[in-house]
Amino acid sequence: MHDDGKEVGFDAAQAVGKISSLNAEAKTHREAKEAAEKSLKVFEGLDPEKAKTALQTVANLDAKKLVDAGDIEKVKAELTDALKKSYEPQIQQLTQERDSVQAQLHKELIGGGFARSKFIQEKIAVPADMIQATFGNNFKIEEGKVVAYGIDGQKIYSRTKHGEVADFDEALETLVGGYQHKDSILKGNQSSGGGYGGQGGGGNNNNVGNMGGTIQERQAAIAAKFNLDK
């Protein structure tokens, strides 16, 4: 019965269910409280603020000891050494492979350029390897292509294809044209005129031996002139 005098029917089943639910909830809270109290018992008697300060002090002391003892640098050195030992062999192998590929590329593109040169075959009186020994360092590999440089250190550009670097034979012809001993390496009177870089006819004429004879005679004369047989 309510305060206003109205009667309300009693639902026994609902009341029992509600009581059971409340009891279960109370049990859960009690168990959680007991578990928390058990966990906190370990820290019984400790001042939280003092404990926090103590932990920070210990951390600072450990760091200071490491710095003072030089252990940080030691650890860094050990890590660096370990990394070097791990990766250095791989780096060396890659470097060797790269150098090998570059050497092969240089041999094929530059050495092959001298060996296959029509300019050398048609205009030069000495073997291709002698020409390579003289002018080989003027050729470089850039982006997979042969690029020639003059004695001034500048790229040699084509006289016919404006804006483009000279191809192998054109660059070699230019280099030979500016060579002071070109009379000694060109066949016959190939050096006369300005057909070789505009500097023809200006070479050293103090020749030794028969520079106008057969290829063998010219080679012997050049070897004698530059002491190549010693």
Protein backbone atom coordinates (compact mmCIF):
# COMPACT_ATOMS: atom_id res chain seq x y z
CA MET A 1 0.00 0.00 0.00
CA HIS A 2 1.38 3.47 -0.98
CA ASP A 3 1.31 6.56 1.25
CA ASP A 4 -1.80 7.81 -0.53
CA GLY A 5 -3.67 4.72 0.56
CA LYS A 6 -3.74 3.00 -2.81
CA GLU A 7 -3.06 -0.69 -2.81
CA VAL A 8 -0.58 -2.22 -5.27
CA GLY A 9 -0.33 -5.91 -5.98
CA PHE A 10 2.90 -7.62 -4.77
CA ASP A 11 4.93 -9.35 -7.52
CA ALA A 12 6.95 -11.93 -5.62
CA ALA A 13 8.90 -13.22 -8.64
CA GLN A 14 10.05 -9.73 -9.65
CA ALA A 15 11.08 -8.92 -6.07
CA VAL A 16 13.14 -12.10 -5.79
CA GLY A 17 14.85 -11.39 -9.11
CA LYS A 18 15.71 -7.83 -8.11
CA ILE A 19 17.12 -8.94 -4.77
CA SER A 20 19.30 -11.57 -6.52
CA SER A 21 20.58 -8.94 -8.98
CA LEU A 22 21.50 -6.53 -6.19
CA ASN A 23 23.24 -9.28 -4.23
CA ALA A 24 25.32 -10.25 -7.30
CA GLU A 25 26.31 -6.62 -7.94
CA ALA A 26 27.28 -6.19 -4.29
CA LYS A 27 29.40 -9.35 -4.47
CA THR A 28 31.23 -8.07 -7.58
CA HIS A 29 32.05 -4.75 -5.92
CA ARG A 30 33.22 -6.53 -2.78
CA GLU A 31 35.53 -8.87 -4.69
CA ALA A 32 37.01 -5.96 -6.68
CA LYS A 33 37.62 -4.03 -3.46
CA GLU A 34 39.32 -7.03 -1.85
CA ALA A 35 41.55 -7.55 -4.89
CA ALA A 36 42.57 -3.88 -4.89
CA GLU A 37 43.34 -3.95 -1.19
CA LYS A 38 45.46 -7.08 -1.67
CA SER A 39 47.46 -5.42 -4.48
CA LEU A 40 48.03 -2.25 -2.47
CA LYS A 41 49.16 -4.22 0.59
CA VAL A 42 52.59 -4.58 -1.04
CA PHE A 43 53.02 -0.78 -0.88
CA GLU A 44 51.64 -0.46 2.64
CA GLY A 45 53.55 2.18 4.59
CA LEU A 46 55.08 3.84 1.49
CA ASP A 47 54.63 7.53 0.75
CA PRO A 48 53.68 7.76 -2.97
CA GLU A 49 55.38 11.13 -3.49
CA LYS A 50 58.57 10.01 -1.75
CA ALA A 51 58.61 6.78 -3.78
CA LYS A 52 58.25 8.72 -7.04
CA THR A 53 61.08 11.06 -6.06
CA ALA A 54 63.32 8.12 -5.11
CA LEU A 55 62.76 6.37 -8.46
CA GLN A 56 63.61 9.56 -10.36
CA THR A 57 66.78 10.01 -8.31
CA VAL A 58 67.91 6.44 -9.05
CA ALA A 59 67.27 6.93 -12.76
CA ASN A 60 69.34 10.11 -12.78
CA LEU A 61 72.15 8.46 -10.83
CA ASP A 62 72.31 5.53 -13.27
CA ALA A 63 72.46 7.88 -16.25
CA LYS A 64 75.17 9.99 -14.58
CA LYS A 65 77.21 6.90 -13.76
CA LEU A 66 77.01 5.76 -17.37
CA VAL A 67 78.15 9.15 -18.64
CA ASP A 68 80.93 9.47 -16.05
CA ALA A 69 82.22 6.00 -16.80
CA GLY A 70 82.14 6.61 -20.54
CA ASP A 71 79.92 3.58 -20.99
CA ILE A 72 77.61 5.37 -23.39
CA GLU A 73 80.47 5.98 -25.82
CA LYS A 74 81.60 2.41 -25.30
CA VAL A 75 78.17 1.08 -26.17
CA LYS A 76 78.00 3.35 -29.23
CA ALA A 77 81.44 2.17 -30.32
CA GLU A 78 80.47 -1.47 -29.87
CA LEU A 79 77.27 -0.98 -31.86
CA THR A 80 79.17 0.80 -34.63
CA ASP A 81 81.79 -1.95 -34.72
CA ALA A 82 79.10 -4.64 -34.84
CA LEU A 83 77.34 -2.89 -37.71
CA LYS A 84 80.61 -2.47 -39.59
CA LYS A 85 81.48 -6.13 -39.18
CA SER A 86 78.01 -7.08 -40.35
CA TYR A 87 77.71 -4.81 -43.37
CA GLU A 88 81.30 -4.01 -44.38
CA PRO A 89 81.84 -7.32 -46.25
CA GLN A 90 78.63 -6.71 -48.18
CA ILE A 91 79.66 -3.14 -48.98
CA GLN A 92 83.11 -4.32 -50.11
CA GLN A 93 81.55 -6.97 -52.32
CA LEU A 94 79.16 -4.47 -53.88
CA THR A 95 82.02 -2.01 -54.40
CA GLN A 96 84.15 -4.67 -56.08
CA GLU A 97 81.26 -5.70 -58.31
CA ARG A 98 80.60 -2.06 -59.22
CA ASP A 99 84.28 -1.44 -60.02
CA SER A 100 84.39 -4.62 -62.08
CA VAL A 101 81.34 -3.58 -64.09
CA GLN A 102 82.77 -0.09 -64.59
CA ALA A 103 86.10 -1.54 -65.73
CA GLN A 104 84.34 -3.84 -68.20
CA LEU A 105 82.20 -0.97 -69.44
CA HIS A 106 85.28 1.24 -69.82
CA LYS A 107 87.16 -1.50 -71.65
CA GLU A 108 84.29 -2.18 -74.02
CA LEU A 109 83.18 1.37 -74.75
CA ILE A 110 86.53 3.14 -74.74
CA GLY A 111 88.97 0.32 -75.51
CA GLY A 112 86.56 -1.00 -78.12
CA GLY A 113 86.21 2.50 -79.56
CA PHE A 114 89.94 2.64 -80.25
CA ALA A 115 90.02 -0.92 -81.59
CA ARG A 116 87.12 -0.32 -84.00
CA SER A 117 87.94 3.26 -84.96
CA LYS A 118 87.74 3.90 -88.69
CA PHE A 119 89.71 7.09 -88.18
CA ILE A 120 92.62 5.09 -86.76
CA GLN A 121 92.37 2.49 -89.51
CA GLU A 122 92.31 5.05 -92.30
CA LYS A 123 94.38 7.95 -91.00
CA ILE A 124 96.73 6.74 -88.28
CA ALA A 125 100.11 5.11 -88.94
CA VAL A 126 100.61 3.54 -85.51
CA PRO A 127 98.76 0.73 -83.70
CA ALA A 128 95.49 1.53 -81.96
CA ASP A 129 96.90 0.66 -78.52
CA MET A 130 99.53 3.39 -78.90
CA ILE A 131 96.78 5.90 -79.71
CA GLN A 132 94.77 4.67 -76.74
CA ALA A 133 97.80 5.07 -74.46
CA THR A 134 98.12 8.67 -75.63
CA PHE A 135 94.49 9.79 -75.72
CA GLY A 136 92.63 7.22 -73.60
CA ASN A 137 92.44 9.46 -70.55
CA ASN A 138 90.56 12.08 -72.57
CA PHE A 139 87.56 9.75 -72.80
CA LYS A 140 85.15 9.14 -69.96
CA ILE A 141 81.95 7.16 -69.44
CA GLU A 142 79.00 9.36 -68.50
CA GLU A 143 75.51 7.91 -68.18
CA GLY A 144 76.61 4.89 -70.18
CA LYS A 145 78.00 6.93 -73.08
CA VAL A 146 81.52 7.88 -74.17
CA VAL A 147 82.29 11.58 -73.73
CA ALA A 148 85.59 13.12 -74.82
CA TYR A 149 87.34 16.04 -73.15
CA GLY A 150 89.95 18.32 -74.69
CA ILE A 151 93.21 19.42 -73.11
CA ASP A 152 91.32 22.43 -71.72
CA GLY A 153 89.12 20.09 -69.68
CA GLN A 154 86.01 20.96 -71.68
CA LYS A 155 83.77 18.51 -73.50
CA ILE A 156 84.45 18.14 -77.20
CA TYR A 157 81.33 18.99 -79.18
CA SER A 158 80.48 17.91 -82.69
CA ARG A 159 81.33 20.26 -85.54
CA THR A 160 78.38 19.00 -87.57
CA LYS A 161 75.75 18.14 -84.95
CA HIS A 162 75.51 21.41 -83.10
CA GLY A 163 74.79 21.13 -79.39
CA GLU A 164 75.75 17.44 -79.25
CA VAL A 165 78.99 15.98 -77.97
CA ALA A 166 81.25 14.58 -80.65
CA ASP A 167 81.12 10.86 -81.33
CA PHE A 168 84.23 8.78 -80.73
CA ASP A 169 85.95 9.19 -84.09
CA GLU A 170 85.17 12.89 -84.42
CA ALA A 171 86.46 13.54 -80.90
CA LEU A 172 89.60 11.50 -81.56
CA GLU A 173 90.19 13.38 -84.81
CA THR A 174 89.96 16.66 -82.89
CA LEU A 175 92.38 15.44 -80.23
CA VAL A 176 94.87 14.22 -82.82
CA GLY A 177 94.55 17.53 -84.67
CA GLY A 178 95.71 19.39 -81.58
CA TYR A 179 98.50 16.95 -80.75
CA GLN A 180 101.98 18.47 -81.07
CA HIS A 181 103.44 15.22 -82.46
CA LYS A 182 100.59 14.49 -84.87
CA ASP A 183 102.99 14.37 -87.84
CA SER A 184 104.54 11.31 -86.22
CA ILE A 185 101.30 9.35 -85.98
CA LEU A 186 99.37 10.35 -89.10
CA LYS A 187 99.79 8.48 -92.37
CA GLY A 188 101.69 10.26 -95.13
CA ASN A 189 100.77 13.96 -95.30
CA GLN A 190 97.44 13.65 -93.47
CA SER A 191 98.42 16.48 -91.13
CA SER A 192 98.58 19.13 -93.86
CA GLY A 193 95.79 21.69 -93.89
CA GLY A 194 93.22 22.35 -91.20
CA GLY A 195 91.17 19.17 -91.37
CA TYR A 196 92.16 17.99 -87.91
CA GLY A 197 90.76 20.45 -85.45
CA GLY A 198 92.08 23.46 -87.38
CA GLN A 199 95.64 22.92 -86.14
CA GLY A 200 97.12 20.91 -88.97
CA GLY A 201 100.67 21.44 -90.12
CA GLY A 202 101.82 22.75 -86.76
CA GLY A 203 103.46 19.62 -85.41
CA ASN A 204 107.05 18.76 -84.68
CA ASN A 205 108.88 18.05 -87.94
CA ASN A 206 112.07 16.76 -86.34
CA ASN A 207 111.23 13.22 -87.36
CA VAL A 208 113.47 10.25 -86.85
CA GLY A 209 113.58 7.46 -89.42
CA ASN A 210 111.35 7.05 -92.43
CA MET A 211 108.01 8.66 -91.46
CA GLY A 212 106.76 8.44 -95.04
CA GLY A 213 107.57 4.80 -95.65
CA THR A 214 105.61 1.64 -94.95
CA ILE A 215 103.55 1.18 -91.80
CA GLN A 216 106.36 -0.89 -90.29
CA GLU A 217 108.91 1.83 -91.09
CA ARG A 218 106.70 4.54 -89.61
CA GLN A 219 106.11 2.49 -86.46
CA ALA A 220 109.84 1.95 -86.06
CA ALA A 221 110.46 5.66 -86.57
CA ILE A 222 107.88 6.59 -83.94
CA ALA A 223 109.28 4.05 -81.48
CA ALA A 224 112.73 5.54 -81.99
CA LYS A 225 111.42 9.11 -81.65
CA PHE A 226 109.66 8.48 -78.33
CA ASN A 227 112.05 5.80 -77.04
CA LEU A 228 109.20 3.27 -77.04
CA ASP A 229 111.57 0.37 -77.57
CA LYS A 230 113.27 0.93 -74.20
